[in-house]
Amino acid sequence: MADELKIDGTPWWRNVNMAKIEKAQRLSQSHKPESRPASPPSIVAAAPSTSTSTSAVLVAPLSYVPQRRTKLPAEDTIEGGERLEIDLRNPEPPRWHKDISLDKVRRAPRVPPGIEEHLNKIMSGIKKCNEAAARGLTPSPDEFKKINDGIHRAFFLDLSAMAIRQEGLLYNDRGLPQVFNSTTVDYPWYIKEDAAELYIKWWQKDTNPDLFRGIKLGRTRNDRIGRESAADKLDPKYNRKKGDFHGNGHLRNGQWWPTQLCAVRDGAHSATVAGICGRAGEGAFSCVMSGGSYPNIDKGDEVWYYGTESDDPSRPTDSTHHMIESCKLKTPVRMLRASKMITKGSNDYKPKEGMRYDGLYKVVGYEVKDLAKQVHLFHLVREPDQGPIRNSSPAVRPTPEELDALAKAKIEKQYLA
């Protein structure tokens, strides 16, 4: 197969339904002030025109960010899939994978060529790395990059469970476990993390590539700010995860979401608005570094994080109390950083957009900053051996593909950040 499927010289995954996007932009510019930031140029790269008209532009119809699904394939009837615990040290293909017999695979329609060629890049990259290791050689960095880029784009391929089964992506001997569980190839740590994240997603039969799967997008008039604002909510029909547990659970270092509501959908956090989640007697499960009345201090592996104000000067809020309990119990707290977080001084750790999971922190101490309002400042230290915070290349999250998908959502779905 060709090294890169191209259309008029443009990689297929960069052609993001240009006609619809350009039309939406023209309408947007005719109704919005000119001061509105332009859409990212990375998603407005049309193929060269062959028309005699200077204004006409031909665009390729392919996109690696598909339209939002309205109907699932027959084998994907449970959106969100099986919510079972996965042992990544000794992975086994899931039940739904085993239930698709070889006879069904043989009778199934072929995976669309563009998608198949893309997935083959991941599989061929793994194969070439294994072959190099078998000869006692170090795999080419180009193969690592190909696998890395392939995994990032695979999150946005419109696949069915059958296609995953056909391509063998969940098999231990040739699929994604060959990356995150390899004993012969020294893959970069961030590639292992993302391969494991993709494996978990597909293992659970979560084949929907939509960033906002399980979310009902909406908007409402906000008189306080004088414009419309987001009014998104969780879809009760979606089989979402709960976030009331200590530790990483199924989450991976650097996992990213466009909004806090999406993080709640995947069980990284439990509250759609609140920054601290926990339970009395167990401490905090997770906290979000976002906006607030007090600027937090973020030094990466060390954070000074403010609790919430209390209306009762005799006791802190429940959220603050959860953090106090975590300090006493020494239980780890999941830390999520938001792009809109407010901190004292410059911040090199916040994501460019959305919300990123940065691993487990211990609450090592705290002090009361305002007794009348029961405002507490907590000192958190990141647990060792989790891999670096993913705020810079080549491990940075969100990835370019995630940013492109979010940019498209803002245009096509009129998503309000």
Protein backbone atom coordinates (compact mmCIF):
# COMPACT_ATOMS: atom_id res chain seq x y z
CA MET A 1 0.00 0.00 0.00
CA ALA A 2 1.10 3.57 -0.49
CA ASP A 3 2.82 5.14 2.48
CA GLU A 4 0.17 7.88 2.69
CA LEU A 5 -3.20 7.92 0.94
CA LYS A 6 -3.51 11.35 -0.63
CA ILE A 7 -6.14 13.25 -2.60
CA ASP A 8 -4.72 15.94 -4.89
CA GLY A 9 -1.60 15.95 -2.78
CA THR A 10 -3.44 16.35 0.53
CA PRO A 11 -3.44 13.55 3.18
CA TRP A 12 -6.91 12.01 3.35
CA TRP A 13 -7.27 12.60 7.09
CA ARG A 14 -6.77 16.35 6.65
CA ASN A 15 -9.77 16.73 4.32
CA VAL A 16 -12.40 17.53 6.92
CA ASN A 17 -15.65 18.00 4.99
CA MET A 18 -14.39 21.33 3.70
CA ALA A 19 -17.50 22.41 1.81
CA LYS A 20 -19.69 22.23 4.91
CA ILE A 21 -17.08 23.93 7.08
CA GLU A 22 -16.52 26.79 4.63
CA LYS A 23 -20.28 27.33 4.30
CA ALA A 24 -20.64 27.42 8.08
CA GLN A 25 -17.78 29.90 8.32
CA ARG A 26 -19.34 32.21 5.73
CA LEU A 27 -22.65 32.17 7.58
CA SER A 28 -20.85 32.72 10.85
CA GLN A 29 -18.94 35.71 9.50
CA SER A 30 -22.14 37.29 8.16
CA HIS A 31 -23.80 37.17 11.60
CA LYS A 32 -20.88 37.56 13.98
CA PRO A 33 -18.53 40.46 14.71
CA GLU A 34 -15.31 40.43 12.70
CA SER A 35 -13.34 40.26 15.93
CA ARG A 36 -14.37 36.62 16.41
CA PRO A 37 -11.28 34.37 16.15
CA ALA A 38 -11.00 32.55 12.85
CA SER A 39 -11.25 28.77 12.73
CA PRO A 40 -7.92 26.93 12.93
CA PRO A 41 -6.23 26.91 9.52
CA SER A 42 -5.40 23.22 9.91
CA ILE A 43 -9.00 22.28 9.13
CA VAL A 44 -9.40 24.65 6.19
CA ALA A 45 -7.05 23.17 3.63
CA ALA A 46 -8.95 22.43 0.44
CA ALA A 47 -7.64 20.65 -2.63
CA PRO A 48 -6.56 22.83 -5.57
CA SER A 49 -9.34 23.98 -7.88
CA THR A 50 -9.55 22.86 -11.51
CA SER A 51 -12.46 25.17 -12.30
CA THR A 52 -12.09 28.20 -14.54
CA SER A 53 -13.75 30.29 -11.85
CA THR A 54 -11.28 31.83 -9.43
CA SER A 55 -13.75 31.54 -6.55
CA ALA A 56 -14.71 27.88 -7.02
CA VAL A 57 -12.87 25.34 -4.86
CA LEU A 58 -13.00 21.56 -5.22
CA VAL A 59 -12.80 19.66 -1.96
CA ALA A 60 -12.21 16.03 -1.13
CA PRO A 61 -15.20 14.31 0.54
CA LEU A 62 -13.16 12.18 2.94
CA SER A 63 -12.76 13.04 6.62
CA TYR A 64 -11.09 11.34 9.56
CA VAL A 65 -13.63 13.08 11.81
CA PRO A 66 -16.97 11.49 10.86
CA GLN A 67 -20.44 12.90 11.28
CA ARG A 68 -22.23 12.23 14.56
CA ARG A 69 -23.82 8.78 14.52
CA THR A 70 -27.57 8.50 14.36
CA LYS A 71 -27.67 4.71 14.17
CA LEU A 72 -25.21 2.09 15.39
CA PRO A 73 -24.24 -1.02 13.41
CA ALA A 74 -26.16 -4.13 14.45
CA GLU A 75 -23.23 -5.55 16.40
CA ASP A 76 -22.75 -2.28 18.33
CA THR A 77 -26.22 -2.16 19.86
CA ILE A 78 -24.92 -1.28 23.34
CA GLU A 79 -23.27 2.10 22.97
CA GLY A 80 -20.49 2.38 25.52
CA GLY A 81 -20.19 -1.38 25.54
CA GLU A 82 -19.16 -3.81 28.24
CA ARG A 83 -18.17 -2.10 31.47
CA LEU A 84 -15.97 -4.83 32.88
CA GLU A 85 -12.56 -4.53 34.49
CA ILE A 86 -9.65 -5.19 32.16
CA ASP A 87 -6.35 -6.71 33.26
CA LEU A 88 -3.90 -5.00 30.91
CA ARG A 89 -1.02 -7.09 32.24
CA ASN A 90 -2.75 -10.25 30.99
CA PRO A 91 -5.31 -9.02 28.46
CA GLU A 92 -7.80 -11.27 26.74
CA PRO A 93 -10.15 -10.26 23.91
CA PRO A 94 -13.58 -9.31 25.31
CA ARG A 95 -16.73 -11.39 25.17
CA TRP A 96 -18.25 -9.51 22.24
CA HIS A 97 -15.03 -10.11 20.27
CA LYS A 98 -15.12 -13.84 20.93
CA ASP A 99 -18.82 -13.99 20.01
CA ILE A 100 -18.06 -12.86 16.45
CA SER A 101 -17.24 -16.18 14.83
CA LEU A 102 -14.71 -16.66 12.06
CA ASP A 103 -17.59 -17.55 9.74
CA LYS A 104 -19.22 -14.16 10.43
CA VAL A 105 -15.90 -12.42 9.80
CA ARG A 106 -15.57 -14.16 6.41
CA ARG A 107 -19.10 -13.16 5.37
CA ALA A 108 -18.83 -9.56 6.58
CA PRO A 109 -18.33 -6.72 4.09
CA ARG A 110 -14.76 -5.57 3.69
CA VAL A 111 -13.57 -2.68 5.84
CA PRO A 112 -13.68 0.52 3.72
CA PRO A 113 -10.34 0.86 1.87
CA GLY A 114 -9.36 4.23 3.35
CA ILE A 115 -9.94 3.00 6.90
CA GLU A 116 -8.31 -0.36 6.23
CA GLU A 117 -5.20 1.27 4.81
CA HIS A 118 -4.95 3.52 7.83
CA LEU A 119 -5.33 0.66 10.32
CA ASN A 120 -2.77 -1.35 8.40
CA LYS A 121 -0.25 1.36 9.18
CA ILE A 122 -0.61 0.61 12.87
CA MET A 123 -0.42 -3.13 12.30
CA SER A 124 2.48 -2.94 9.83
CA GLY A 125 4.34 -0.58 12.17
CA ILE A 126 4.00 -3.09 15.01
CA LYS A 127 5.16 -5.89 12.71
CA LYS A 128 8.24 -3.99 11.54
CA CYS A 129 9.18 -3.08 15.12
CA ASN A 130 8.91 -6.75 16.14
CA GLU A 131 10.98 -7.84 13.15
CA ALA A 132 13.71 -5.34 13.99
CA ALA A 133 13.79 -6.48 17.63
CA ALA A 134 14.03 -10.13 16.51
CA ARG A 135 17.20 -9.24 14.57
CA GLY A 136 18.64 -7.44 17.58
CA LEU A 137 18.09 -4.01 16.03
CA THR A 138 16.48 -0.85 17.38
CA PRO A 139 13.26 -0.08 15.47
CA SER A 140 13.26 3.02 13.32
CA PRO A 141 11.90 6.19 14.96
CA ASP A 142 9.79 6.56 11.81
CA GLU A 143 7.93 3.37 12.72
CA PHE A 144 7.26 4.71 16.22
CA LYS A 145 5.93 7.94 14.74
CA LYS A 146 3.74 6.05 12.27
CA ILE A 147 2.21 3.97 15.07
CA ASN A 148 1.78 7.04 17.27
CA ASP A 149 0.04 9.05 14.54
CA GLY A 150 -2.02 6.01 13.60
CA ILE A 151 -3.32 5.49 17.12
CA HIS A 152 -4.26 9.15 17.47
CA ARG A 153 -6.21 9.11 14.22
CA ALA A 154 -7.80 5.74 15.00
CA PHE A 155 -9.80 7.33 17.82
CA PHE A 156 -11.73 9.19 15.11
CA LEU A 157 -12.27 6.44 12.56
CA ASP A 158 -15.90 5.42 12.09
CA LEU A 159 -15.35 1.75 12.92
CA SER A 160 -17.71 -1.04 13.86
CA ALA A 161 -16.96 -3.86 16.28
CA MET A 162 -16.83 -6.16 13.28
CA ALA A 163 -14.10 -4.05 11.66
CA ILE A 164 -12.01 -4.21 14.85
CA ARG A 165 -12.44 -7.99 14.86
CA GLN A 166 -11.60 -8.26 11.16
CA GLU A 167 -8.37 -6.30 11.50
CA GLY A 168 -7.16 -8.18 14.61
CA LEU A 169 -6.54 -5.00 16.61
CA LEU A 170 -7.33 -6.59 19.99
CA TYR A 171 -5.29 -9.77 19.54
CA ASN A 172 -2.34 -10.19 21.88
CA ASP A 173 0.03 -11.55 19.25
CA ARG A 174 -0.33 -8.77 16.66
CA GLY A 175 -2.66 -6.05 17.94
CA LEU A 176 -2.43 -3.14 20.37
CA PRO A 177 -1.22 -5.30 23.31
CA GLN A 178 1.98 -5.73 21.31
CA VAL A 179 2.61 -2.03 22.01
CA PHE A 180 1.68 -1.49 25.65
CA ASN A 181 2.80 -4.96 26.80
CA SER A 182 5.86 -5.46 24.62
CA THR A 183 8.85 -7.15 26.27
CA THR A 184 11.07 -6.92 23.18
CA VAL A 185 10.43 -3.44 21.74
CA ASP A 186 11.17 -0.36 23.83
CA TYR A 187 8.24 1.80 22.75
CA PRO A 188 8.15 5.40 24.02
CA TRP A 189 6.05 5.57 27.19
CA TYR A 190 3.45 7.93 25.73
CA ILE A 191 2.76 5.58 22.81
CA LYS A 192 2.15 2.80 25.32
CA GLU A 193 -0.31 5.01 27.23
CA ASP A 194 -2.32 5.91 24.14
CA ALA A 195 -2.30 2.36 22.79
CA ALA A 196 -3.70 1.18 26.12
CA GLU A 197 -6.35 3.93 26.09
CA LEU A 198 -7.49 2.95 22.60
CA TYR A 199 -7.48 -0.73 23.53
CA ILE A 200 -9.66 -0.07 26.61
CA LYS A 201 -12.11 1.99 24.55
CA TRP A 202 -12.52 -0.68 21.89
CA TRP A 203 -12.40 -3.57 24.40
CA GLN A 204 -15.50 -2.05 25.99
CA LYS A 205 -17.15 -1.96 22.57
CA ASP A 206 -17.09 1.83 22.58
CA THR A 207 -16.69 2.29 18.84
CA ASN A 208 -18.31 5.72 18.56
CA PRO A 209 -15.64 8.24 17.44
CA ASP A 210 -17.70 11.30 18.45
CA LEU A 211 -15.98 13.48 21.08
CA PHE A 212 -19.43 14.19 22.52
CA ARG A 213 -20.78 10.64 22.55
CA GLY A 214 -23.21 10.21 25.41
CA ILE A 215 -23.78 13.97 25.64
CA LYS A 216 -26.87 15.89 24.56
CA LEU A 217 -25.60 19.22 23.31
CA GLY A 218 -27.76 22.27 23.95
CA ARG A 219 -27.70 25.98 24.55
CA THR A 220 -29.67 28.51 26.54
CA ARG A 221 -29.91 32.26 26.86
CA ASN A 222 -27.70 33.54 29.67
CA ASP A 223 -28.92 36.98 30.72
CA ARG A 224 -26.02 37.46 33.11
CA ILE A 225 -23.44 37.42 30.33
CA GLY A 226 -25.78 38.71 27.63
CA ARG A 227 -25.45 35.80 25.21
CA GLU A 228 -26.16 32.12 24.73
CA SER A 229 -24.21 29.59 26.76
CA ALA A 230 -23.86 25.82 26.77
CA ALA A 231 -26.65 23.75 28.32
CA ASP A 232 -25.26 20.27 27.67
CA LYS A 233 -26.39 17.25 29.67
CA LEU A 234 -25.61 13.56 29.97
CA ASP A 235 -27.67 11.21 27.82
CA PRO A 236 -29.42 8.82 30.25
CA LYS A 237 -29.38 6.09 27.59
CA TYR A 238 -25.58 6.06 27.42
CA ASN A 239 -23.83 3.42 29.53
CA ARG A 240 -21.45 5.80 31.29
CA LYS A 241 -18.94 5.03 34.03
CA LYS A 242 -18.97 6.20 37.63
CA GLY A 243 -16.09 8.13 39.15
CA ASP A 244 -16.57 7.25 42.83
CA PHE A 245 -13.33 5.30 43.29
CA HIS A 246 -9.74 5.92 44.34
CA GLY A 247 -6.85 5.51 41.94
CA ASN A 248 -6.50 5.49 38.15
CA GLY A 249 -9.01 2.76 37.48
CA HIS A 250 -9.40 2.54 33.70
CA LEU A 251 -7.91 6.00 33.06
CA ARG A 252 -4.56 6.66 31.37
CA ASN A 253 -2.04 9.43 31.94
CA GLY A 254 -2.87 12.29 29.59
CA GLN A 255 -6.39 11.14 28.68
CA TRP A 256 -8.29 14.12 27.31
CA TRP A 257 -11.88 15.41 27.02
CA PRO A 258 -13.35 18.53 25.41
CA THR A 259 -15.47 19.33 28.50
CA GLN A 260 -15.90 18.36 32.15
CA LEU A 261 -19.18 16.69 31.26
CA CYS A 262 -17.31 14.33 28.92
CA ALA A 263 -14.86 13.53 31.72
CA VAL A 264 -17.85 12.69 33.93
CA ARG A 265 -19.21 10.43 31.18
CA ASP A 266 -15.98 8.40 31.27
CA GLY A 267 -15.74 8.25 35.06
CA ALA A 268 -12.74 10.54 35.53
CA HIS A 269 -14.82 12.87 37.73
CA SER A 270 -18.28 12.69 39.27
CA ALA A 271 -19.61 16.27 39.25
CA THR A 272 -20.69 18.16 36.16
CA VAL A 273 -19.76 21.53 37.71
CA ALA A 274 -18.03 21.09 41.10
CA GLY A 275 -14.25 20.87 41.21
CA ILE A 276 -13.94 18.32 44.03
CA CYS A 277 -15.65 14.92 44.21
CA GLY A 278 -15.54 12.53 47.13
CA ARG A 279 -17.49 10.78 49.86
CA ALA A 280 -17.65 11.30 53.61
CA GLY A 281 -15.28 8.95 55.38
CA GLU A 282 -13.36 8.16 52.15
CA GLY A 283 -11.96 11.53 51.18
CA ALA A 284 -11.73 13.03 47.70
CA PHE A 285 -11.69 10.89 44.58
CA SER A 286 -10.81 13.63 42.09
CA CYS A 287 -10.34 17.37 41.72
CA VAL A 288 -10.30 19.76 38.77
CA MET A 289 -7.89 22.66 38.35
CA SER A 290 -10.15 25.20 36.65
CA GLY A 291 -11.52 28.70 37.18
CA GLY A 292 -12.49 29.98 40.60
CA SER A 293 -12.42 32.84 43.05
CA TYR A 294 -8.87 32.07 44.17
CA PRO A 295 -5.86 31.53 41.88
CA ASN A 296 -4.28 28.14 42.48
CA ILE A 297 -0.51 27.65 42.25
CA ASP A 298 0.59 25.07 39.69
CA LYS A 299 4.17 23.85 39.59
CA GLY A 300 3.40 20.62 37.79
CA ASP A 301 4.38 17.91 40.24
CA GLU A 302 3.39 20.21 43.12
CA VAL A 303 0.10 22.07 43.34
CA TRP A 304 -1.44 24.45 45.88
CA TYR A 305 -5.18 24.09 45.45
CA TYR A 306 -7.98 26.11 47.06
CA GLY A 307 -11.09 24.50 48.48
CA THR A 308 -14.49 26.18 48.23
CA GLU A 309 -15.97 28.98 50.35
CA SER A 310 -18.44 28.06 53.08
CA ASP A 311 -21.54 30.00 54.11
CA ASP A 312 -21.09 28.61 57.62
CA PRO A 313 -18.00 30.01 59.43
CA SER A 314 -18.08 27.04 61.83
CA ARG A 315 -17.43 24.35 59.22
CA PRO A 316 -15.94 23.89 55.74
CA THR A 317 -17.97 22.79 52.73
CA ASP A 318 -18.38 19.09 52.03
CA SER A 319 -15.94 19.37 49.10
CA THR A 320 -13.29 20.97 51.27
CA HIS A 321 -13.89 18.37 53.96
CA HIS A 322 -13.24 15.59 51.42
CA MET A 323 -9.79 17.05 50.76
CA ILE A 324 -9.07 17.33 54.49
CA GLU A 325 -9.99 13.64 54.86
CA SER A 326 -7.71 12.72 51.95
CA CYS A 327 -4.85 14.44 53.75
CA LYS A 328 -5.52 12.43 56.91
CA LEU A 329 -6.20 9.12 55.15
CA LYS A 330 -3.34 9.61 52.66
CA THR A 331 -5.57 8.43 49.81
CA PRO A 332 -4.60 9.53 46.26
CA VAL A 333 -6.66 12.11 44.39
CA ARG A 334 -7.05 12.16 40.60
CA MET A 335 -5.97 15.51 39.15
CA LEU A 336 -7.58 17.01 36.04
CA ARG A 337 -6.34 20.25 34.52
CA ALA A 338 -8.68 22.47 32.49
CA SER A 339 -7.64 24.92 29.78
CA LYS A 340 -9.58 27.68 31.55
CA MET A 341 -7.93 27.20 34.92
CA ILE A 342 -6.84 30.28 36.84
CA THR A 343 -3.45 30.19 38.52
CA LYS A 344 -1.06 32.57 40.17
CA GLY A 345 1.71 33.35 37.69
CA SER A 346 2.32 31.74 34.31
CA ASN A 347 1.24 28.18 33.72
CA ASP A 348 2.95 25.74 31.38
CA TYR A 349 0.84 22.76 32.39
CA LYS A 350 -2.72 23.58 31.39
CA PRO A 351 -4.00 21.94 28.18
CA LYS A 352 -4.57 24.03 25.09
CA GLU A 353 -8.25 23.09 25.09
CA GLY A 354 -10.61 21.03 27.23
CA MET A 355 -9.56 18.91 30.19
CA ARG A 356 -6.66 16.49 30.68
CA TYR A 357 -6.07 13.77 33.27
CA ASP A 358 -2.63 14.18 34.86
CA GLY A 359 -2.52 11.27 37.28
CA LEU A 360 -2.64 10.79 41.03
CA TYR A 361 -1.65 13.34 43.68
CA LYS A 362 -1.36 13.05 47.46
CA VAL A 363 -2.69 15.79 49.74
CA VAL A 364 0.36 16.31 51.96
CA GLY A 365 -0.84 19.34 53.93
CA TYR A 366 -3.17 22.32 54.11
CA GLU A 367 -3.74 25.65 55.86
CA VAL A 368 -6.77 27.80 56.55
CA LYS A 369 -6.50 31.03 54.54
CA ASP A 370 -9.83 32.61 55.54
CA LEU A 371 -11.43 31.35 58.75
CA ALA A 372 -14.69 33.28 58.30
CA LYS A 373 -15.28 31.65 54.91
CA GLN A 374 -13.50 28.39 55.80
CA VAL A 375 -11.22 28.72 52.78
CA HIS A 376 -8.49 26.07 52.86
CA LEU A 377 -5.37 25.90 50.69
CA PHE A 378 -4.21 22.33 50.02
CA HIS A 379 -0.70 21.23 49.08
CA LEU A 380 -0.69 18.28 46.65
CA VAL A 381 2.31 16.32 45.38
CA ARG A 382 2.20 14.08 42.32
CA GLU A 383 2.80 10.38 42.91
CA PRO A 384 6.04 9.01 41.37
CA ASP A 385 6.36 6.58 38.44
CA GLN A 386 3.37 7.82 36.45
CA GLY A 387 5.15 9.23 33.43
CA PRO A 388 5.59 12.99 32.91
CA ILE A 389 2.68 15.44 32.66
CA ARG A 390 1.72 15.53 28.99
CA ASN A 391 1.97 19.25 28.34
CA SER A 392 4.67 19.25 25.64
CA SER A 393 5.60 17.43 22.43
CA PRO A 394 5.86 14.68 21.38
CA ALA A 395 3.66 13.41 24.23
CA VAL A 396 1.35 16.44 24.34
CA ARG A 397 -2.40 16.03 24.83
CA PRO A 398 -4.71 17.13 23.36
CA THR A 399 -3.23 15.80 20.13
CA PRO A 400 -3.54 17.68 16.82
CA GLU A 401 -6.25 15.20 15.85
CA GLU A 402 -8.22 15.94 19.03
CA LEU A 403 -7.93 19.68 18.43
CA ASP A 404 -9.10 19.24 14.83
CA ALA A 405 -12.10 17.19 15.97
CA LEU A 406 -13.03 19.85 18.53
CA ALA A 407 -12.66 22.63 15.96
CA LYS A 408 -14.99 20.75 13.63
CA ALA A 409 -17.52 20.24 16.43
CA LYS A 410 -17.55 23.96 17.14
CA ILE A 411 -18.43 24.67 13.53
CA GLU A 412 -20.75 21.83 12.54
CA LYS A 413 -22.56 21.32 15.85
CA GLN A 414 -22.48 24.96 16.91
CA TYR A 415 -20.86 23.70 20.11
CA LEU A 416 -20.44 26.47 22.66
CA ALA A 417 -17.25 26.21 24.71
